[in-house]
Amino acid sequence: MSFFASLRRLACLALLVAPLGWAAPAAAAVDTATAKYCSPKADNVVVYVDRTTNYDAKDKRDLLDGISAIFGGLKGGERFSIRTIADSFSASESLIDACMPICASQGFFGDLFSSSCTEGVAINDRNHLRDRIVATVEKLLNSYSDLPYSAIVQTLALTANAEIRPDQPNRLFLFTDLLENSQYLPGRDFLNQPNAELLSRIEGDRLVPDFHGALIKVFGVGRSGLPGRPPLDQHLLSKIMDFWTHYFTAAHATVAIQQALSGL
């Protein structure tokens, strides 16, 4: 079964399964099984998944399509990380931290006599990584919950050092509606105060990270957290997009904000 087909199957199953408690352990570093494949010249690819809102069928489809596209676009050697956005920055979990398996050719004799890497082993390790990602996404889909807070600003700021690789090209993908509502920045303030005041406060509190020129794509944006997930009022959507565009610019990143992931 292909990676995309596996995730599609999970989308169907997740719609039938009641929410479960999340108990995945945090990953401290790149797992040893794939560490040998890490390349300092390859991209650092990080996926943040906001698990503070109940996923409906569209959310699940957009998340699965997005992760399938990201994984399918990896060429080998990239660090690939999945981290959650939760109701508190301290509850953010690192779910996957691995490097995409690949066997770089060392020439005919190098490939023939080298025992450190073979194409068959790399393919097998790639399949194992795919299976781990599928299992991780399955747990995410089965453990969604409508949490009272969504701490996006603090999570990005306080996990950046663990996720960003300053000497590599960084690509970040955020699956979130971008509706900040945290103890630090309540939703009423986020939606009603002028963006300039909010950004000044965040900068003053040193919560703007350095993303070192990262390319950031945000998907899952445009729907409210109300029952039925209706579209956001255009005025609010414009305010939200303006806030995050300025935030990521201040964080030395280039951002594209959209409803579904496209144009990798």
C-alpha atoms as a PDB file:
ATOM      1  CA  MET A   1       0.000   0.000   0.000  1.00  0.00           C
ATOM      2  CA  SER A   2       1.403   3.406  -0.953  1.00  0.00           C
ATOM      3  CA  PHE A   3       2.115   6.129   1.628  1.00  0.00           C
ATOM      4  CA  PHE A   4      -0.702   8.262   0.222  1.00  0.00           C
ATOM      5  CA  ALA A   5      -3.129   5.330   0.211  1.00  0.00           C
ATOM      6  CA  SER A   6      -2.175   4.445   3.796  1.00  0.00           C
ATOM      7  CA  LEU A   7      -2.962   7.942   4.979  1.00  0.00           C
ATOM      8  CA  ARG A   8      -6.211   7.989   3.016  1.00  0.00           C
ATOM      9  CA  ARG A   9      -7.248   4.800   4.785  1.00  0.00           C
ATOM     10  CA  LEU A  10      -6.454   6.426   8.129  1.00  0.00           C
ATOM     11  CA  ALA A  11      -8.717   9.357   7.293  1.00  0.00           C
ATOM     12  CA  CYS A  12     -11.649   7.022   6.878  1.00  0.00           C
ATOM     13  CA  LEU A  13     -10.855   5.112  10.083  1.00  0.00           C
ATOM     14  CA  ALA A  14     -10.357   8.263  12.138  1.00  0.00           C
ATOM     15  CA  LEU A  15     -13.851   9.484  11.365  1.00  0.00           C
ATOM     16  CA  LEU A  16     -15.212   6.380  13.094  1.00  0.00           C
ATOM     17  CA  VAL A  17     -12.978   6.349  16.166  1.00  0.00           C
ATOM     18  CA  ALA A  18     -13.725   8.335  19.314  1.00  0.00           C
ATOM     19  CA  PRO A  19     -11.012  10.726  20.570  1.00  0.00           C
ATOM     20  CA  LEU A  20      -8.336   9.004  22.636  1.00  0.00           C
ATOM     21  CA  GLY A  21      -5.827  10.349  25.130  1.00  0.00           C
ATOM     22  CA  TRP A  22      -2.492  11.368  23.611  1.00  0.00           C
ATOM     23  CA  ALA A  23       0.458   9.543  25.114  1.00  0.00           C
ATOM     24  CA  ALA A  24       3.246   9.711  22.539  1.00  0.00           C
ATOM     25  CA  PRO A  25       6.712  10.179  24.054  1.00  0.00           C
ATOM     26  CA  ALA A  26       8.708  13.252  23.106  1.00  0.00           C
ATOM     27  CA  ALA A  27      11.693  12.709  20.817  1.00  0.00           C
ATOM     28  CA  ALA A  28      14.892  14.306  22.091  1.00  0.00           C
ATOM     29  CA  ALA A  29      17.028  14.016  18.949  1.00  0.00           C
ATOM     30  CA  VAL A  30      17.187  12.432  15.521  1.00  0.00           C
ATOM     31  CA  ASP A  31      16.478   8.736  16.032  1.00  0.00           C
ATOM     32  CA  THR A  32      19.491   6.494  15.755  1.00  0.00           C
ATOM     33  CA  ALA A  33      17.948   4.312  13.036  1.00  0.00           C
ATOM     34  CA  THR A  34      18.092   7.160  10.507  1.00  0.00           C
ATOM     35  CA  ALA A  35      20.851   9.403  11.906  1.00  0.00           C
ATOM     36  CA  LYS A  36      23.370   7.997   9.408  1.00  0.00           C
ATOM     37  CA  TYR A  37      21.333   9.435   6.536  1.00  0.00           C
ATOM     38  CA  CYS A  38      21.402  13.058   7.753  1.00  0.00           C
ATOM     39  CA  SER A  39      23.048  15.433   5.315  1.00  0.00           C
ATOM     40  CA  PRO A  40      24.180  18.941   6.355  1.00  0.00           C
ATOM     41  CA  LYS A  41      23.471  20.052   2.783  1.00  0.00           C
ATOM     42  CA  ALA A  42      19.880  18.812   2.719  1.00  0.00           C
ATOM     43  CA  ASP A  43      16.818  20.731   3.863  1.00  0.00           C
ATOM     44  CA  ASN A  44      15.570  20.772   7.421  1.00  0.00           C
ATOM     45  CA  VAL A  45      11.832  20.063   7.123  1.00  0.00           C
ATOM     46  CA  VAL A  46       9.582  20.681  10.134  1.00  0.00           C
ATOM     47  CA  VAL A  47       5.824  20.113  10.297  1.00  0.00           C
ATOM     48  CA  TYR A  48       3.865  21.740  13.118  1.00  0.00           C
ATOM     49  CA  VAL A  49       0.385  20.266  13.643  1.00  0.00           C
ATOM     50  CA  ASP A  50      -2.148  22.210  15.702  1.00  0.00           C
ATOM     51  CA  ARG A  51      -4.186  19.659  17.660  1.00  0.00           C
ATOM     52  CA  THR A  52      -6.306  22.126  19.658  1.00  0.00           C
ATOM     53  CA  THR A  53      -9.366  22.108  17.390  1.00  0.00           C
ATOM     54  CA  ASN A  54     -11.678  19.231  16.559  1.00  0.00           C
ATOM     55  CA  TYR A  55     -10.800  17.959  13.100  1.00  0.00           C
ATOM     56  CA  ASP A  56     -13.704  17.457  10.733  1.00  0.00           C
ATOM     57  CA  ALA A  57     -13.526  15.492   7.480  1.00  0.00           C
ATOM     58  CA  LYS A  58     -12.085  18.439   5.554  1.00  0.00           C
ATOM     59  CA  ASP A  59      -9.406  19.093   8.169  1.00  0.00           C
ATOM     60  CA  LYS A  60      -8.376  15.445   8.086  1.00  0.00           C
ATOM     61  CA  ARG A  61      -8.219  15.419   4.303  1.00  0.00           C
ATOM     62  CA  ASP A  62      -6.163  18.625   4.187  1.00  0.00           C
ATOM     63  CA  LEU A  63      -3.726  17.321   6.821  1.00  0.00           C
ATOM     64  CA  LEU A  64      -3.302  13.953   5.128  1.00  0.00           C
ATOM     65  CA  ASP A  65      -2.886  15.459   1.677  1.00  0.00           C
ATOM     66  CA  GLY A  66      -0.345  17.912   3.056  1.00  0.00           C
ATOM     67  CA  ILE A  67       1.823  15.372   4.877  1.00  0.00           C
ATOM     68  CA  SER A  68       1.656  13.019   1.890  1.00  0.00           C
ATOM     69  CA  ALA A  69       2.887  15.781  -0.396  1.00  0.00           C
ATOM     70  CA  ILE A  70       5.671  16.810   1.994  1.00  0.00           C
ATOM     71  CA  PHE A  71       6.919  13.242   2.485  1.00  0.00           C
ATOM     72  CA  GLY A  72       6.655  12.495  -1.230  1.00  0.00           C
ATOM     73  CA  GLY A  73       8.801  15.517  -2.042  1.00  0.00           C
ATOM     74  CA  LEU A  74      11.754  14.466   0.131  1.00  0.00           C
ATOM     75  CA  LYS A  75      14.749  13.380  -1.922  1.00  0.00           C
ATOM     76  CA  GLY A  76      16.939  11.943   0.831  1.00  0.00           C
ATOM     77  CA  GLY A  77      19.177  13.262   3.581  1.00  0.00           C
ATOM     78  CA  GLU A  78      16.635  15.779   4.880  1.00  0.00           C
ATOM     79  CA  ARG A  79      15.832  15.991   8.558  1.00  0.00           C
ATOM     80  CA  PHE A  80      12.079  15.490   8.919  1.00  0.00           C
ATOM     81  CA  SER A  81      10.312  16.523  12.108  1.00  0.00           C
ATOM     82  CA  ILE A  82       6.696  16.555  13.271  1.00  0.00           C
ATOM     83  CA  ARG A  83       5.810  18.640  16.340  1.00  0.00           C
ATOM     84  CA  THR A  84       2.476  19.549  17.897  1.00  0.00           C
ATOM     85  CA  ILE A  85       0.951  22.892  18.774  1.00  0.00           C
ATOM     86  CA  ALA A  86      -1.132  22.433  21.921  1.00  0.00           C
ATOM     87  CA  ASP A  87      -2.930  24.484  24.578  1.00  0.00           C
ATOM     88  CA  SER A  88       0.385  25.373  26.204  1.00  0.00           C
ATOM     89  CA  PHE A  89       3.901  25.719  24.819  1.00  0.00           C
ATOM     90  CA  SER A  90       5.045  23.252  27.486  1.00  0.00           C
ATOM     91  CA  ALA A  91       2.644  20.637  26.091  1.00  0.00           C
ATOM     92  CA  SER A  92       4.164  20.736  22.603  1.00  0.00           C
ATOM     93  CA  GLU A  93       5.530  17.299  21.676  1.00  0.00           C
ATOM     94  CA  SER A  94       8.156  16.187  19.189  1.00  0.00           C
ATOM     95  CA  LEU A  95       6.566  13.159  17.531  1.00  0.00           C
ATOM     96  CA  ILE A  96       8.990  12.407  14.705  1.00  0.00           C
ATOM     97  CA  ASP A  97      12.625  13.441  14.367  1.00  0.00           C
ATOM     98  CA  ALA A  98      14.339  11.474  11.627  1.00  0.00           C
ATOM     99  CA  CYS A  99      16.349  11.777   8.434  1.00  0.00           C
ATOM    100  CA  MET A 100      15.127  10.598   5.058  1.00  0.00           C
ATOM    101  CA  PRO A 101      17.033   7.447   4.016  1.00  0.00           C
ATOM    102  CA  ILE A 102      19.117   7.567   0.848  1.00  0.00           C
ATOM    103  CA  CYS A 103      22.205   5.859  -0.513  1.00  0.00           C
ATOM    104  CA  ALA A 104      24.371   8.384  -2.297  1.00  0.00           C
ATOM    105  CA  SER A 105      26.386   6.759  -5.065  1.00  0.00           C
ATOM    106  CA  GLN A 106      30.125   6.440  -4.379  1.00  0.00           C
ATOM    107  CA  GLY A 107      30.934   5.171  -7.842  1.00  0.00           C
ATOM    108  CA  PHE A 108      30.829   1.603  -9.123  1.00  0.00           C
ATOM    109  CA  PHE A 109      33.548   0.155  -6.877  1.00  0.00           C
ATOM    110  CA  GLY A 110      32.524   2.247  -3.897  1.00  0.00           C
ATOM    111  CA  ASP A 111      28.958   0.986  -4.175  1.00  0.00           C
ATOM    112  CA  LEU A 112      30.201  -2.575  -4.740  1.00  0.00           C
ATOM    113  CA  PHE A 113      32.474  -2.834  -1.728  1.00  0.00           C
ATOM    114  CA  SER A 114      30.967  -0.401   0.759  1.00  0.00           C
ATOM    115  CA  SER A 115      28.996  -2.087   3.511  1.00  0.00           C
ATOM    116  CA  SER A 116      27.804   1.103   5.189  1.00  0.00           C
ATOM    117  CA  CYS A 117      24.861   1.645   2.865  1.00  0.00           C
ATOM    118  CA  THR A 118      23.046  -0.305   0.188  1.00  0.00           C
ATOM    119  CA  GLU A 119      20.028   0.683  -1.842  1.00  0.00           C
ATOM    120  CA  GLY A 120      18.009  -2.187  -0.417  1.00  0.00           C
ATOM    121  CA  VAL A 121      18.727  -1.153   3.164  1.00  0.00           C
ATOM    122  CA  ALA A 122      17.881   2.477   2.406  1.00  0.00           C
ATOM    123  CA  ILE A 123      14.573   1.472   0.796  1.00  0.00           C
ATOM    124  CA  ASN A 124      13.737  -0.689   3.804  1.00  0.00           C
ATOM    125  CA  ASP A 125      14.594   2.138   6.221  1.00  0.00           C
ATOM    126  CA  ARG A 126      12.525   4.553   4.147  1.00  0.00           C
ATOM    127  CA  ASN A 127       9.555   2.203   4.375  1.00  0.00           C
ATOM    128  CA  HIS A 128       9.988   1.931   8.144  1.00  0.00           C
ATOM    129  CA  LEU A 129      10.011   5.724   8.418  1.00  0.00           C
ATOM    130  CA  ARG A 130       6.896   5.926   6.268  1.00  0.00           C
ATOM    131  CA  ASP A 131       5.155   3.428   8.552  1.00  0.00           C
ATOM    132  CA  ARG A 132       6.144   5.452  11.628  1.00  0.00           C
ATOM    133  CA  ILE A 133       4.727   8.610  10.079  1.00  0.00           C
ATOM    134  CA  VAL A 134       1.496   6.824   9.191  1.00  0.00           C
ATOM    135  CA  ALA A 135       1.186   5.527  12.775  1.00  0.00           C
ATOM    136  CA  THR A 136       1.905   8.990  14.164  1.00  0.00           C
ATOM    137  CA  VAL A 137      -0.729  10.604  11.956  1.00  0.00           C
ATOM    138  CA  GLU A 138      -3.190   7.897  12.963  1.00  0.00           C
ATOM    139  CA  LYS A 139      -2.695   8.783  16.638  1.00  0.00           C
ATOM    140  CA  LEU A 140      -3.124  12.473  15.861  1.00  0.00           C
ATOM    141  CA  LEU A 141      -6.364  11.848  14.009  1.00  0.00           C
ATOM    142  CA  ASN A 142      -7.661   9.663  16.819  1.00  0.00           C
ATOM    143  CA  SER A 143      -6.710  12.087  19.605  1.00  0.00           C
ATOM    144  CA  TYR A 144      -8.032  15.379  18.324  1.00  0.00           C
ATOM    145  CA  SER A 145      -9.783  17.526  20.920  1.00  0.00           C
ATOM    146  CA  ASP A 146     -11.299  20.946  21.272  1.00  0.00           C
ATOM    147  CA  LEU A 147      -8.883  22.406  23.816  1.00  0.00           C
ATOM    148  CA  PRO A 148      -9.622  25.720  25.557  1.00  0.00           C
ATOM    149  CA  TYR A 149      -6.388  27.351  24.404  1.00  0.00           C
ATOM    150  CA  SER A 150      -4.125  27.381  21.372  1.00  0.00           C
ATOM    151  CA  ALA A 151      -0.618  28.613  22.166  1.00  0.00           C
ATOM    152  CA  ILE A 152       0.862  29.229  18.738  1.00  0.00           C
ATOM    153  CA  VAL A 153       3.097  32.238  19.459  1.00  0.00           C
ATOM    154  CA  GLN A 154       4.869  30.768  22.481  1.00  0.00           C
ATOM    155  CA  THR A 155       5.186  27.317  20.906  1.00  0.00           C
ATOM    156  CA  LEU A 156       6.923  28.672  17.812  1.00  0.00           C
ATOM    157  CA  ALA A 157       9.168  30.968  19.832  1.00  0.00           C
ATOM    158  CA  LEU A 158      10.173  28.441  22.482  1.00  0.00           C
ATOM    159  CA  THR A 159      10.682  25.419  20.209  1.00  0.00           C
ATOM    160  CA  ALA A 160      12.550  27.215  17.430  1.00  0.00           C
ATOM    161  CA  ASN A 161      15.992  26.454  18.841  1.00  0.00           C
ATOM    162  CA  ALA A 162      15.178  22.743  18.892  1.00  0.00           C
ATOM    163  CA  GLU A 163      13.751  22.680  15.374  1.00  0.00           C
ATOM    164  CA  ILE A 164      15.685  25.201  13.290  1.00  0.00           C
ATOM    165  CA  ARG A 165      19.077  24.321  11.769  1.00  0.00           C
ATOM    166  CA  PRO A 166      20.855  27.667  11.152  1.00  0.00           C
ATOM    167  CA  ASP A 167      23.372  26.189   8.691  1.00  0.00           C
ATOM    168  CA  GLN A 168      20.796  24.367   6.541  1.00  0.00           C
ATOM    169  CA  PRO A 169      17.896  25.481   4.352  1.00  0.00           C
ATOM    170  CA  ASN A 170      14.854  25.398   6.646  1.00  0.00           C
ATOM    171  CA  ARG A 171      11.342  24.619   5.421  1.00  0.00           C
ATOM    172  CA  LEU A 172       8.492  24.778   7.913  1.00  0.00           C
ATOM    173  CA  PHE A 173       4.915  23.641   7.349  1.00  0.00           C
ATOM    174  CA  LEU A 174       2.228  24.681   9.826  1.00  0.00           C
ATOM    175  CA  PHE A 175      -1.151  22.971   9.849  1.00  0.00           C
ATOM    176  CA  THR A 176      -3.194  25.432  11.895  1.00  0.00           C
ATOM    177  CA  ASP A 177      -6.059  27.903  11.618  1.00  0.00           C
ATOM    178  CA  LEU A 178      -3.704  30.560  13.098  1.00  0.00           C
ATOM    179  CA  LEU A 179      -6.311  31.509  15.710  1.00  0.00           C
ATOM    180  CA  GLU A 180      -4.153  32.341  18.710  1.00  0.00           C
ATOM    181  CA  ASN A 181      -5.992  31.945  22.014  1.00  0.00           C
ATOM    182  CA  SER A 182      -3.620  31.350  24.892  1.00  0.00           C
ATOM    183  CA  GLN A 183      -3.103  32.399  28.462  1.00  0.00           C
ATOM    184  CA  TYR A 184      -0.343  34.659  27.191  1.00  0.00           C
ATOM    185  CA  LEU A 185      -2.449  36.139  24.371  1.00  0.00           C
ATOM    186  CA  PRO A 186      -6.204  35.549  24.793  1.00  0.00           C
ATOM    187  CA  GLY A 187      -8.311  35.304  21.662  1.00  0.00           C
ATOM    188  CA  ARG A 188     -10.279  38.456  22.461  1.00  0.00           C
ATOM    189  CA  ASP A 189      -7.036  40.453  22.516  1.00  0.00           C
ATOM    190  CA  PHE A 190      -5.652  38.718  19.449  1.00  0.00           C
ATOM    191  CA  LEU A 191      -8.752  39.482  17.391  1.00  0.00           C
ATOM    192  CA  ASN A 192      -9.516  42.964  18.705  1.00  0.00           C
ATOM    193  CA  GLN A 193      -6.276  44.767  19.489  1.00  0.00           C
ATOM    194  CA  PRO A 194      -4.331  46.454  16.666  1.00  0.00           C
ATOM    195  CA  ASN A 195      -1.677  44.204  15.170  1.00  0.00           C
ATOM    196  CA  ALA A 196       1.038  46.792  15.726  1.00  0.00           C
ATOM    197  CA  GLU A 197       0.356  46.737  19.488  1.00  0.00           C
ATOM    198  CA  LEU A 198       0.330  42.937  19.593  1.00  0.00           C
ATOM    199  CA  LEU A 199       3.580  42.634  17.672  1.00  0.00           C
ATOM    200  CA  SER A 200       5.262  45.268  19.838  1.00  0.00           C
ATOM    201  CA  ARG A 201       4.252  43.324  22.956  1.00  0.00           C
ATOM    202  CA  ILE A 202       5.497  40.022  21.537  1.00  0.00           C
ATOM    203  CA  GLU A 203       8.812  41.538  20.490  1.00  0.00           C
ATOM    204  CA  GLY A 204       9.171  43.140  23.929  1.00  0.00           C
ATOM    205  CA  ASP A 205       8.655  39.740  25.532  1.00  0.00           C
ATOM    206  CA  ARG A 206      11.281  38.211  23.236  1.00  0.00           C
ATOM    207  CA  LEU A 207       8.810  35.811  21.652  1.00  0.00           C
ATOM    208  CA  VAL A 208       9.845  36.438  18.052  1.00  0.00           C
ATOM    209  CA  PRO A 209      12.282  33.646  17.113  1.00  0.00           C
ATOM    210  CA  ASP A 210      14.983  33.736  14.459  1.00  0.00           C
ATOM    211  CA  PHE A 211      13.934  31.372  11.674  1.00  0.00           C
ATOM    212  CA  HIS A 212      17.149  32.023   9.730  1.00  0.00           C
ATOM    213  CA  GLY A 213      15.550  32.697   6.352  1.00  0.00           C
ATOM    214  CA  ALA A 214      13.160  29.750   6.526  1.00  0.00           C
ATOM    215  CA  LEU A 215      10.469  29.216   3.936  1.00  0.00           C
ATOM    216  CA  ILE A 216       7.188  28.733   5.793  1.00  0.00           C
ATOM    217  CA  LYS A 217       3.900  27.447   4.421  1.00  0.00           C
ATOM    218  CA  VAL A 218       0.789  27.599   6.569  1.00  0.00           C
ATOM    219  CA  PHE A 219      -2.248  25.566   5.579  1.00  0.00           C
ATOM    220  CA  GLY A 220      -5.628  24.967   7.198  1.00  0.00           C
ATOM    221  CA  VAL A 221      -6.398  28.700   7.414  1.00  0.00           C
ATOM    222  CA  GLY A 222      -9.730  30.386   6.787  1.00  0.00           C
ATOM    223  CA  ARG A 223     -12.222  28.555   8.993  1.00  0.00           C
ATOM    224  CA  SER A 224     -13.473  29.591  12.410  1.00  0.00           C
ATOM    225  CA  GLY A 225     -13.534  27.399  15.508  1.00  0.00           C
ATOM    226  CA  LEU A 226     -17.324  27.636  15.786  1.00  0.00           C
ATOM    227  CA  PRO A 227     -19.525  24.522  15.374  1.00  0.00           C
ATOM    228  CA  GLY A 228     -19.591  23.499  11.735  1.00  0.00           C
ATOM    229  CA  ARG A 229     -16.313  25.393  11.094  1.00  0.00           C
ATOM    230  CA  PRO A 230     -17.876  28.216   8.998  1.00  0.00           C
ATOM    231  CA  PRO A 231     -15.557  30.539   7.048  1.00  0.00           C
ATOM    232  CA  LEU A 232     -14.025  33.433   8.899  1.00  0.00           C
ATOM    233  CA  ASP A 233     -15.372  36.876   8.275  1.00  0.00           C
ATOM    234  CA  GLN A 234     -13.127  38.507   5.675  1.00  0.00           C
ATOM    235  CA  HIS A 235     -12.232  41.367   7.999  1.00  0.00           C
ATOM    236  CA  LEU A 236     -10.973  38.939  10.640  1.00  0.00           C
ATOM    237  CA  LEU A 237      -9.197  36.785   8.070  1.00  0.00           C
ATOM    238  CA  SER A 238      -7.353  39.827   6.732  1.00  0.00           C
ATOM    239  CA  LYS A 239      -6.339  40.865  10.252  1.00  0.00           C
ATOM    240  CA  ILE A 240      -5.074  37.379  11.079  1.00  0.00           C
ATOM    241  CA  MET A 241      -3.078  37.076   7.864  1.00  0.00           C
ATOM    242  CA  ASP A 242      -1.613  40.550   8.330  1.00  0.00           C
ATOM    243  CA  PHE A 243      -0.533  39.738  11.905  1.00  0.00           C
ATOM    244  CA  TRP A 244       1.205  36.492  10.982  1.00  0.00           C
ATOM    245  CA  THR A 245       2.801  37.912   7.854  1.00  0.00           C
ATOM    246  CA  HIS A 246       4.429  40.643   9.945  1.00  0.00           C
ATOM    247  CA  TYR A 247       5.309  38.142  12.692  1.00  0.00           C
ATOM    248  CA  PHE A 248       7.136  35.797  10.331  1.00  0.00           C
ATOM    249  CA  THR A 249       8.838  38.697   8.572  1.00  0.00           C
ATOM    250  CA  ALA A 250      10.161  39.879  11.943  1.00  0.00           C
ATOM    251  CA  ALA A 251      11.324  36.270  12.524  1.00  0.00           C
ATOM    252  CA  HIS A 252      13.406  36.405   9.306  1.00  0.00           C
ATOM    253  CA  ALA A 253      11.194  34.035   7.345  1.00  0.00           C
ATOM    254  CA  THR A 254       9.184  34.089   4.138  1.00  0.00           C
ATOM    255  CA  VAL A 255       5.624  32.869   4.584  1.00  0.00           C
ATOM    256  CA  ALA A 256       2.751  31.756   2.381  1.00  0.00           C
ATOM    257  CA  ILE A 257      -0.635  31.355   4.086  1.00  0.00           C
ATOM    258  CA  GLN A 258      -3.315  29.255   2.383  1.00  0.00           C
ATOM    259  CA  GLN A 259      -6.231  26.937   3.006  1.00  0.00           C
ATOM    260  CA  ALA A 260      -4.708  23.793   1.532  1.00  0.00           C
ATOM    261  CA  LEU A 261      -1.085  22.900   0.859  1.00  0.00           C
ATOM    262  CA  SER A 262       0.049  23.273  -2.727  1.00  0.00           C
ATOM    263  CA  GLY A 263       3.080  24.277  -4.724  1.00  0.00           C
ATOM    264  CA  LEU A 264       5.775  22.519  -2.689  1.00  0.00           C
END
